[in-house]
């Protein structure tokens, strides 16, 4: 029950932070921090897959409502919610406890950075592909994906560094 309350508090905090702060940052008119993906990245390996999907869908729906992007964040976050448990299973040791979670504290900096970086890259590619809905301006699409990926991974690693202490 405590874990659900913590999850819900993180859910609300990230939605408010994205809507009021991070959603207004546009570096060079293409790079935006997408900090809300941190919520989906932090599910541990004992969470049922359907719960991860529901949380991801709900987060995407709330982000879409605040950012006026109908279905774009919902589809992208649901995709990441589907992939995350399978991808995280590659990093879970055989003798891992139930509390083993995707974090710098449990995985180490390099493994966590790789884990978060790959999922974030897939998320950015899906998000900006759905947003543009074409590859006509490939240079701008690459700048949006790359810029948002870099700025978001920096924020996620900073949050994890503070959280792990």
N, C-alpha and C. Protein backbone atom coordinates (compact mmCIF):
# COMPACT_ATOMS: atom_id res chain seq x y z
N UNK A 1 0.82 -1.19 0.00
CA UNK A 1 0.00 0.00 0.00
C UNK A 1 0.87 1.26 0.00
N UNK A 2 1.96 1.21 0.74
CA UNK A 2 2.88 2.35 0.77
C UNK A 2 3.50 2.56 -0.60
N UNK A 3 3.83 1.46 -1.28
CA UNK A 3 4.43 1.56 -2.61
C UNK A 3 3.47 2.22 -3.59
N UNK A 4 2.19 1.90 -3.50
CA UNK A 4 1.20 2.51 -4.39
C UNK A 4 1.10 4.00 -4.12
N UNK A 5 1.14 4.39 -2.85
CA UNK A 5 1.08 5.81 -2.50
C UNK A 5 2.32 6.55 -3.02
N UNK A 6 3.49 5.94 -2.89
CA UNK A 6 4.71 6.55 -3.42
C UNK A 6 4.66 6.67 -4.94
N UNK A 7 4.16 5.62 -5.60
CA UNK A 7 4.02 5.65 -7.06
C UNK A 7 3.08 6.77 -7.49
N UNK A 8 1.95 6.89 -6.79
CA UNK A 8 0.98 7.92 -7.15
C UNK A 8 1.55 9.31 -6.92
N UNK A 9 2.31 9.49 -5.84
CA UNK A 9 2.94 10.79 -5.57
C UNK A 9 3.95 11.13 -6.67
N UNK A 10 4.76 10.16 -7.08
CA UNK A 10 5.72 10.37 -8.17
C UNK A 10 4.99 10.66 -9.47
N UNK A 11 3.90 9.95 -9.71
CA UNK A 11 3.05 10.16 -10.88
C UNK A 11 2.60 11.62 -10.96
N UNK A 12 2.01 12.11 -9.86
CA UNK A 12 1.53 13.49 -9.83
C UNK A 12 2.66 14.50 -9.93
N UNK A 13 3.76 14.25 -9.24
CA UNK A 13 4.89 15.16 -9.27
C UNK A 13 5.45 15.31 -10.69
N UNK A 14 5.62 14.21 -11.38
CA UNK A 14 6.17 14.26 -12.73
C UNK A 14 5.21 14.90 -13.72
N UNK A 15 3.91 14.68 -13.56
CA UNK A 15 2.94 15.33 -14.44
C UNK A 15 2.96 16.83 -14.24
N UNK A 16 2.95 17.26 -13.00
CA UNK A 16 2.98 18.70 -12.70
C UNK A 16 4.28 19.33 -13.17
N UNK A 17 5.41 18.66 -12.92
CA UNK A 17 6.71 19.18 -13.35
C UNK A 17 6.78 19.29 -14.87
N UNK A 18 6.27 18.29 -15.58
CA UNK A 18 6.30 18.34 -17.04
C UNK A 18 5.38 19.43 -17.57
N UNK A 19 4.19 19.53 -16.99
CA UNK A 19 3.21 20.51 -17.49
C UNK A 19 3.63 21.94 -17.19
N UNK A 20 4.19 22.19 -16.02
CA UNK A 20 4.49 23.56 -15.62
C UNK A 20 5.92 24.02 -15.92
N UNK A 21 6.86 23.09 -15.92
CA UNK A 21 8.27 23.49 -16.08
C UNK A 21 8.88 22.92 -17.36
N UNK A 22 9.02 21.61 -17.43
CA UNK A 22 9.77 20.98 -18.51
C UNK A 22 9.09 21.09 -19.87
N UNK A 23 7.78 21.13 -19.90
CA UNK A 23 7.06 21.26 -21.15
C UNK A 23 7.24 22.61 -21.82
N UNK A 24 7.72 23.59 -21.07
CA UNK A 24 7.92 24.94 -21.61
C UNK A 24 9.37 25.18 -22.06
N UNK A 25 10.23 24.20 -21.84
CA UNK A 25 11.63 24.32 -22.25
C UNK A 25 11.77 23.74 -23.66
N UNK A 26 12.25 24.56 -24.58
CA UNK A 26 12.48 24.11 -25.95
C UNK A 26 13.84 24.66 -26.40
N UNK A 27 14.87 23.87 -26.26
CA UNK A 27 16.21 24.28 -26.63
C UNK A 27 16.34 24.20 -28.15
N UNK A 28 16.69 25.29 -28.77
CA UNK A 28 16.84 25.41 -30.22
C UNK A 28 15.56 24.98 -30.96
N UNK A 29 14.43 25.15 -30.31
CA UNK A 29 13.11 24.84 -30.89
C UNK A 29 12.96 23.36 -31.26
N UNK A 30 13.74 22.50 -30.63
CA UNK A 30 13.57 21.07 -30.94
C UNK A 30 13.82 20.15 -29.75
N UNK A 31 14.65 20.52 -28.81
CA UNK A 31 14.98 19.64 -27.69
C UNK A 31 14.14 20.01 -26.47
N UNK A 32 13.33 19.08 -26.02
CA UNK A 32 12.48 19.28 -24.85
C UNK A 32 12.75 18.16 -23.85
N UNK A 33 12.96 18.49 -22.58
CA UNK A 33 13.13 17.42 -21.59
C UNK A 33 11.80 16.67 -21.39
N UNK A 34 11.84 15.38 -21.52
CA UNK A 34 10.65 14.54 -21.38
C UNK A 34 10.79 13.73 -20.09
N UNK A 35 10.78 14.41 -18.99
CA UNK A 35 11.13 13.84 -17.70
C UNK A 35 10.12 12.80 -17.21
N UNK A 36 8.91 12.83 -17.72
CA UNK A 36 7.88 11.92 -17.24
C UNK A 36 8.16 10.46 -17.57
N UNK A 37 9.05 10.18 -18.50
CA UNK A 37 9.39 8.78 -18.80
C UNK A 37 10.10 8.12 -17.61
N UNK A 38 10.67 8.93 -16.74
CA UNK A 38 11.34 8.40 -15.54
C UNK A 38 10.39 7.52 -14.73
N UNK A 39 9.13 7.88 -14.73
CA UNK A 39 8.12 7.10 -14.00
C UNK A 39 8.06 5.66 -14.49
N UNK A 40 8.08 5.47 -15.80
CA UNK A 40 7.97 4.13 -16.38
C UNK A 40 9.29 3.37 -16.24
N UNK A 41 10.39 4.09 -16.26
CA UNK A 41 11.69 3.42 -16.15
C UNK A 41 11.91 2.78 -14.78
N UNK A 42 11.26 3.28 -13.74
CA UNK A 42 11.59 2.86 -12.37
C UNK A 42 10.76 1.70 -11.83
N UNK A 43 9.98 1.02 -12.65
CA UNK A 43 9.24 -0.14 -12.17
C UNK A 43 10.20 -1.30 -11.96
N UNK A 44 10.13 -1.95 -10.78
CA UNK A 44 11.03 -3.08 -10.53
C UNK A 44 10.52 -4.35 -11.19
N UNK A 45 11.29 -5.41 -11.10
CA UNK A 45 10.98 -6.62 -11.85
C UNK A 45 9.84 -7.44 -11.27
N UNK A 46 9.34 -7.11 -10.10
CA UNK A 46 8.24 -7.85 -9.51
C UNK A 46 6.87 -7.28 -9.86
N UNK A 47 6.85 -6.11 -10.47
CA UNK A 47 5.56 -5.51 -10.87
C UNK A 47 4.95 -6.36 -11.98
N UNK A 48 3.65 -6.63 -11.89
CA UNK A 48 3.00 -7.33 -13.01
C UNK A 48 3.03 -6.47 -14.27
N UNK A 49 3.19 -7.10 -15.39
CA UNK A 49 3.30 -6.37 -16.66
C UNK A 49 2.06 -5.55 -16.96
N UNK A 50 0.89 -6.07 -16.63
CA UNK A 50 -0.34 -5.35 -16.91
C UNK A 50 -0.45 -4.08 -16.07
N UNK A 51 0.11 -4.09 -14.86
CA UNK A 51 0.10 -2.89 -14.02
C UNK A 51 1.02 -1.82 -14.62
N UNK A 52 2.18 -2.25 -15.10
CA UNK A 52 3.10 -1.32 -15.76
C UNK A 52 2.43 -0.68 -16.97
N UNK A 53 1.71 -1.48 -17.75
CA UNK A 53 1.00 -0.95 -18.92
C UNK A 53 -0.09 0.04 -18.53
N UNK A 54 -0.84 -0.27 -17.48
CA UNK A 54 -1.89 0.66 -17.05
C UNK A 54 -1.33 1.98 -16.54
N UNK A 55 -0.28 1.90 -15.73
CA UNK A 55 0.36 3.13 -15.24
C UNK A 55 0.92 3.94 -16.41
N UNK A 56 1.54 3.26 -17.36
CA UNK A 56 2.11 3.95 -18.53
C UNK A 56 1.03 4.63 -19.35
N UNK A 57 -0.06 3.92 -19.58
CA UNK A 57 -1.17 4.48 -20.33
C UNK A 57 -1.75 5.69 -19.62
N UNK A 58 -1.95 5.59 -18.30
CA UNK A 58 -2.51 6.70 -17.53
C UNK A 58 -1.59 7.91 -17.54
N UNK A 59 -0.29 7.67 -17.42
CA UNK A 59 0.68 8.78 -17.47
C UNK A 59 0.63 9.45 -18.83
N UNK A 60 0.64 8.68 -19.88
CA UNK A 60 0.58 9.23 -21.23
C UNK A 60 -0.69 10.01 -21.47
N UNK A 61 -1.80 9.52 -20.97
CA UNK A 61 -3.08 10.21 -21.12
C UNK A 61 -3.06 11.57 -20.42
N UNK A 62 -2.51 11.61 -19.23
CA UNK A 62 -2.42 12.88 -18.49
C UNK A 62 -1.48 13.86 -19.20
N UNK A 63 -0.36 13.38 -19.67
CA UNK A 63 0.59 14.25 -20.38
C UNK A 63 -0.05 14.78 -21.66
N UNK A 64 -0.76 13.93 -22.39
CA UNK A 64 -1.45 14.38 -23.61
C UNK A 64 -2.49 15.44 -23.30
N UNK A 65 -3.18 15.29 -22.20
CA UNK A 65 -4.20 16.26 -21.83
C UNK A 65 -3.59 17.63 -21.54
N UNK A 66 -2.43 17.65 -20.90
CA UNK A 66 -1.79 18.92 -20.56
C UNK A 66 -1.00 19.54 -21.71
N UNK A 67 -0.49 18.71 -22.60
CA UNK A 67 0.35 19.25 -23.67
C UNK A 67 -0.36 19.34 -25.01
N UNK A 68 -1.64 18.96 -25.05
CA UNK A 68 -2.44 19.08 -26.26
C UNK A 68 -1.85 18.28 -27.43
N UNK A 69 -1.41 17.07 -27.13
CA UNK A 69 -0.90 16.16 -28.16
C UNK A 69 -1.73 14.89 -28.10
N UNK A 70 -2.87 14.86 -28.78
CA UNK A 70 -3.82 13.76 -28.61
C UNK A 70 -3.26 12.39 -29.00
N UNK A 71 -2.98 11.57 -28.00
CA UNK A 71 -2.56 10.20 -28.22
C UNK A 71 -1.08 9.97 -28.44
N UNK A 72 -0.31 11.02 -28.66
CA UNK A 72 1.10 10.84 -28.98
C UNK A 72 1.88 10.30 -27.77
N UNK A 73 1.78 10.97 -26.64
CA UNK A 73 2.49 10.50 -25.44
C UNK A 73 1.89 9.20 -24.91
N UNK A 74 0.59 9.04 -25.06
CA UNK A 74 -0.06 7.82 -24.60
C UNK A 74 0.48 6.60 -25.35
N UNK A 75 0.53 6.69 -26.66
CA UNK A 75 1.03 5.57 -27.46
C UNK A 75 2.50 5.30 -27.17
N UNK A 76 3.30 6.35 -27.08
CA UNK A 76 4.74 6.18 -26.86
C UNK A 76 5.03 5.61 -25.48
N UNK A 77 4.36 6.12 -24.45
CA UNK A 77 4.59 5.60 -23.10
C UNK A 77 4.06 4.18 -22.94
N UNK A 78 2.96 3.86 -23.59
CA UNK A 78 2.44 2.50 -23.53
C UNK A 78 3.41 1.53 -24.19
N UNK A 79 4.03 1.96 -25.28
CA UNK A 79 5.07 1.14 -25.93
C UNK A 79 6.22 0.89 -24.97
N UNK A 80 6.69 1.94 -24.30
CA UNK A 80 7.80 1.78 -23.35
C UNK A 80 7.36 0.94 -22.16
N UNK A 81 6.12 1.11 -21.71
CA UNK A 81 5.59 0.28 -20.62
C UNK A 81 5.54 -1.19 -21.00
N UNK A 82 5.32 -1.47 -22.28
CA UNK A 82 5.32 -2.84 -22.75
C UNK A 82 6.74 -3.41 -22.83
N UNK A 83 7.69 -2.61 -23.28
CA UNK A 83 9.07 -3.07 -23.48
C UNK A 83 9.85 -3.13 -22.17
N UNK A 84 9.60 -2.21 -21.24
CA UNK A 84 10.43 -2.05 -20.04
C UNK A 84 10.61 -3.33 -19.24
N UNK A 85 9.55 -4.10 -18.92
CA UNK A 85 9.78 -5.31 -18.11
C UNK A 85 10.68 -6.34 -18.80
N UNK A 86 10.52 -6.49 -20.09
CA UNK A 86 11.34 -7.45 -20.83
C UNK A 86 12.79 -6.99 -20.92
N UNK A 87 12.98 -5.70 -21.17
CA UNK A 87 14.34 -5.17 -21.28
C UNK A 87 15.03 -5.17 -19.92
N UNK A 88 14.30 -4.82 -18.87
CA UNK A 88 14.87 -4.80 -17.53
C UNK A 88 15.25 -6.21 -17.08
N UNK A 89 14.52 -7.21 -17.54
CA UNK A 89 14.83 -8.60 -17.16
C UNK A 89 16.23 -9.01 -17.60
N UNK A 90 16.76 -8.36 -18.63
CA UNK A 90 18.13 -8.65 -19.07
C UNK A 90 19.17 -8.20 -18.06
N UNK A 91 18.82 -7.25 -17.20
CA UNK A 91 19.76 -6.69 -16.23
C UNK A 91 19.59 -7.26 -14.83
N UNK A 92 18.55 -8.04 -14.60
CA UNK A 92 18.28 -8.57 -13.27
C UNK A 92 19.11 -9.83 -13.04
N UNK A 93 19.96 -9.84 -12.01
CA UNK A 93 20.74 -11.05 -11.71
C UNK A 93 19.83 -12.18 -11.22
N UNK A 94 20.30 -13.39 -11.34
CA UNK A 94 19.49 -14.55 -10.93
C UNK A 94 19.17 -14.52 -9.44
N UNK A 95 20.07 -14.02 -8.63
CA UNK A 95 19.88 -14.01 -7.18
C UNK A 95 19.35 -12.66 -6.67
N UNK A 96 18.66 -11.91 -7.52
CA UNK A 96 18.18 -10.57 -7.15
C UNK A 96 17.02 -10.67 -6.15
N UNK A 97 17.00 -9.73 -5.23
CA UNK A 97 15.90 -9.66 -4.27
C UNK A 97 14.68 -9.03 -4.94
N UNK A 98 13.55 -9.06 -4.24
CA UNK A 98 12.33 -8.48 -4.78
C UNK A 98 12.43 -6.96 -4.92
N UNK A 99 13.31 -6.36 -4.17
CA UNK A 99 13.44 -4.90 -4.20
C UNK A 99 14.43 -4.40 -5.25
N UNK A 100 15.00 -5.29 -6.03
CA UNK A 100 15.93 -4.89 -7.08
C UNK A 100 15.17 -4.05 -8.10
N UNK A 101 15.63 -2.83 -8.28
CA UNK A 101 14.90 -1.91 -9.17
C UNK A 101 15.87 -1.23 -10.13
N UNK A 102 15.35 -0.66 -11.20
CA UNK A 102 16.21 0.08 -12.12
C UNK A 102 16.65 1.38 -11.47
N UNK A 103 17.84 1.38 -10.94
CA UNK A 103 18.38 2.57 -10.29
C UNK A 103 19.90 2.50 -10.32
N UNK A 104 20.51 3.64 -10.14
CA UNK A 104 21.98 3.68 -10.06
C UNK A 104 22.46 2.90 -8.85
N UNK A 105 21.70 2.97 -7.78
CA UNK A 105 22.06 2.29 -6.54
C UNK A 105 22.13 0.76 -6.74
N UNK A 106 21.17 0.18 -7.43
CA UNK A 106 21.13 -1.27 -7.61
C UNK A 106 21.91 -1.75 -8.83
N UNK A 107 21.91 -0.97 -9.90
CA UNK A 107 22.51 -1.42 -11.16
C UNK A 107 23.91 -0.86 -11.41
N UNK A 108 24.22 0.26 -10.84
CA UNK A 108 25.46 0.95 -11.16
C UNK A 108 25.20 2.00 -12.23
N UNK A 109 26.11 2.93 -12.35
CA UNK A 109 25.91 4.06 -13.26
C UNK A 109 25.87 3.62 -14.72
N UNK A 110 26.81 2.79 -15.12
CA UNK A 110 26.90 2.41 -16.53
C UNK A 110 25.70 1.57 -16.98
N UNK A 111 25.34 0.58 -16.21
CA UNK A 111 24.20 -0.27 -16.59
C UNK A 111 22.90 0.53 -16.59
N UNK A 112 22.72 1.35 -15.57
CA UNK A 112 21.50 2.16 -15.52
C UNK A 112 21.46 3.15 -16.68
N UNK A 113 22.58 3.77 -16.98
CA UNK A 113 22.62 4.72 -18.10
C UNK A 113 22.30 4.03 -19.42
N UNK A 114 22.83 2.83 -19.61
CA UNK A 114 22.53 2.08 -20.83
C UNK A 114 21.05 1.70 -20.88
N UNK A 115 20.54 1.18 -19.77
CA UNK A 115 19.13 0.79 -19.67
C UNK A 115 18.21 1.97 -19.97
N UNK A 116 18.43 3.08 -19.27
CA UNK A 116 17.59 4.26 -19.46
C UNK A 116 17.79 4.86 -20.85
N UNK A 117 19.02 4.88 -21.31
CA UNK A 117 19.32 5.47 -22.61
C UNK A 117 18.65 4.77 -23.77
N UNK A 118 18.66 3.43 -23.75
CA UNK A 118 18.04 2.67 -24.84
C UNK A 118 16.52 2.86 -24.83
N UNK A 119 15.91 2.73 -23.66
CA UNK A 119 14.45 2.92 -23.58
C UNK A 119 14.06 4.35 -23.94
N UNK A 120 14.85 5.30 -23.52
CA UNK A 120 14.56 6.70 -23.83
C UNK A 120 14.70 6.97 -25.32
N UNK A 121 15.68 6.36 -25.96
CA UNK A 121 15.85 6.54 -27.40
C UNK A 121 14.65 5.97 -28.16
N UNK A 122 14.20 4.79 -27.77
CA UNK A 122 13.00 4.20 -28.39
C UNK A 122 11.80 5.11 -28.17
N UNK A 123 11.67 5.63 -26.95
CA UNK A 123 10.56 6.53 -26.63
C UNK A 123 10.60 7.79 -27.49
N UNK A 124 11.76 8.43 -27.57
CA UNK A 124 11.88 9.66 -28.36
C UNK A 124 11.60 9.42 -29.84
N UNK A 125 12.09 8.30 -30.35
CA UNK A 125 11.83 7.99 -31.76
C UNK A 125 10.34 7.77 -32.01
N UNK A 126 9.68 7.05 -31.11
CA UNK A 126 8.24 6.82 -31.27
C UNK A 126 7.46 8.12 -31.11
N UNK A 127 7.80 8.91 -30.11
CA UNK A 127 7.08 10.15 -29.83
C UNK A 127 7.18 11.13 -31.00
N UNK A 128 8.39 11.37 -31.47
CA UNK A 128 8.55 12.37 -32.53
C UNK A 128 8.11 11.83 -33.90
N UNK A 129 8.13 10.52 -34.08
CA UNK A 129 7.60 9.95 -35.32
C UNK A 129 6.08 10.11 -35.37
N UNK A 130 5.42 9.85 -34.24
CA UNK A 130 3.98 10.03 -34.19
C UNK A 130 3.59 11.50 -34.27
N UNK A 131 4.40 12.35 -33.66
CA UNK A 131 4.11 13.78 -33.67
C UNK A 131 4.24 14.36 -35.07
N UNK A 132 5.28 14.00 -35.77
CA UNK A 132 5.50 14.52 -37.13
C UNK A 132 4.64 13.77 -38.14
N UNK A 133 4.45 12.49 -37.91
CA UNK A 133 3.67 11.59 -38.75
C UNK A 133 4.20 11.49 -40.17
N UNK A 134 5.44 11.94 -40.37
CA UNK A 134 6.11 11.73 -41.66
C UNK A 134 7.60 11.94 -41.45
N UNK A 135 8.37 11.58 -42.43
CA UNK A 135 9.82 11.77 -42.37
C UNK A 135 10.27 12.78 -43.42
N UNK A 136 9.41 13.75 -43.70
CA UNK A 136 9.72 14.73 -44.73
C UNK A 136 10.93 15.58 -44.34
N UNK A 137 10.96 16.06 -43.11
CA UNK A 137 12.07 16.87 -42.64
C UNK A 137 12.92 16.01 -41.69
N UNK A 138 13.70 15.13 -42.27
CA UNK A 138 14.48 14.17 -41.50
C UNK A 138 15.49 14.85 -40.57
N UNK A 139 16.07 15.95 -41.02
CA UNK A 139 17.05 16.67 -40.20
C UNK A 139 16.40 17.19 -38.92
N UNK A 140 15.22 17.79 -39.03
CA UNK A 140 14.53 18.32 -37.85
C UNK A 140 14.10 17.18 -36.93
N UNK A 141 13.65 16.07 -37.50
CA UNK A 141 13.25 14.92 -36.71
C UNK A 141 14.45 14.37 -35.92
N UNK A 142 15.60 14.25 -36.58
CA UNK A 142 16.80 13.78 -35.91
C UNK A 142 17.26 14.73 -34.81
N UNK A 143 17.14 16.03 -35.07
CA UNK A 143 17.50 17.02 -34.05
C UNK A 143 16.56 16.93 -32.84
N UNK A 144 15.28 16.74 -33.08
CA UNK A 144 14.32 16.61 -31.98
C UNK A 144 14.58 15.34 -31.17
N UNK A 145 14.78 14.22 -31.86
CA UNK A 145 15.05 12.95 -31.17
C UNK A 145 16.36 13.04 -30.40
N UNK A 146 17.42 13.46 -31.07
CA UNK A 146 18.73 13.53 -30.42
C UNK A 146 18.80 14.55 -29.31
N UNK A 147 18.27 15.73 -29.55
CA UNK A 147 18.30 16.78 -28.53
C UNK A 147 17.48 16.43 -27.31
N UNK A 148 16.28 15.93 -27.53
CA UNK A 148 15.43 15.54 -26.39
C UNK A 148 16.03 14.35 -25.65
N UNK A 149 16.63 13.42 -26.39
CA UNK A 149 17.26 12.28 -25.76
C UNK A 149 18.39 12.73 -24.84
N UNK A 150 19.26 13.61 -25.33
CA UNK A 150 20.41 14.06 -24.54
C UNK A 150 19.98 14.82 -23.30
N UNK A 151 19.07 15.77 -23.48
CA UNK A 151 18.67 16.60 -22.34
C UNK A 151 17.88 15.79 -21.31
N UNK A 152 17.08 14.83 -21.77
CA UNK A 152 16.30 14.01 -20.84
C UNK A 152 17.19 13.04 -20.09
N UNK A 153 18.13 12.41 -20.75
CA UNK A 153 19.00 11.45 -20.07
C UNK A 153 19.86 12.17 -19.03
N UNK A 154 20.25 13.40 -19.30
CA UNK A 154 21.00 14.17 -18.30
C UNK A 154 20.14 14.42 -17.06
N UNK A 155 18.88 14.82 -17.26
CA UNK A 155 18.00 15.05 -16.12
C UNK A 155 17.73 13.76 -15.35
N UNK A 156 17.53 12.66 -16.04
CA UNK A 156 17.25 11.39 -15.36
C UNK A 156 18.45 10.93 -14.55
N UNK A 157 19.63 11.05 -15.08
CA UNK A 157 20.83 10.66 -14.33
C UNK A 157 21.05 11.58 -13.13
N UNK A 158 20.75 12.89 -13.30
CA UNK A 158 20.85 13.80 -12.15
C UNK A 158 19.86 13.42 -11.06
N UNK A 159 18.63 13.10 -11.44
CA UNK A 159 17.61 12.71 -10.45
C UNK A 159 18.03 11.42 -9.76
N UNK A 160 18.52 10.46 -10.51
CA UNK A 160 18.96 9.19 -9.94
C UNK A 160 20.16 9.38 -9.02
N UNK A 161 21.07 10.26 -9.38
CA UNK A 161 22.24 10.51 -8.54
C UNK A 161 21.83 11.09 -7.20
N UNK A 162 20.88 12.00 -7.21
CA UNK A 162 20.39 12.58 -5.96
C UNK A 162 19.60 11.55 -5.18
N UNK A 163 18.79 10.78 -5.85
CA UNK A 163 17.95 9.78 -5.20
C UNK A 163 18.75 8.65 -4.58
N UNK A 164 19.87 8.28 -5.18
CA UNK A 164 20.65 7.15 -4.68
C UNK A 164 21.49 7.48 -3.46
N UNK A 165 21.60 8.75 -3.14
CA UNK A 165 22.41 9.13 -1.97
C UNK A 165 21.65 9.04 -0.69
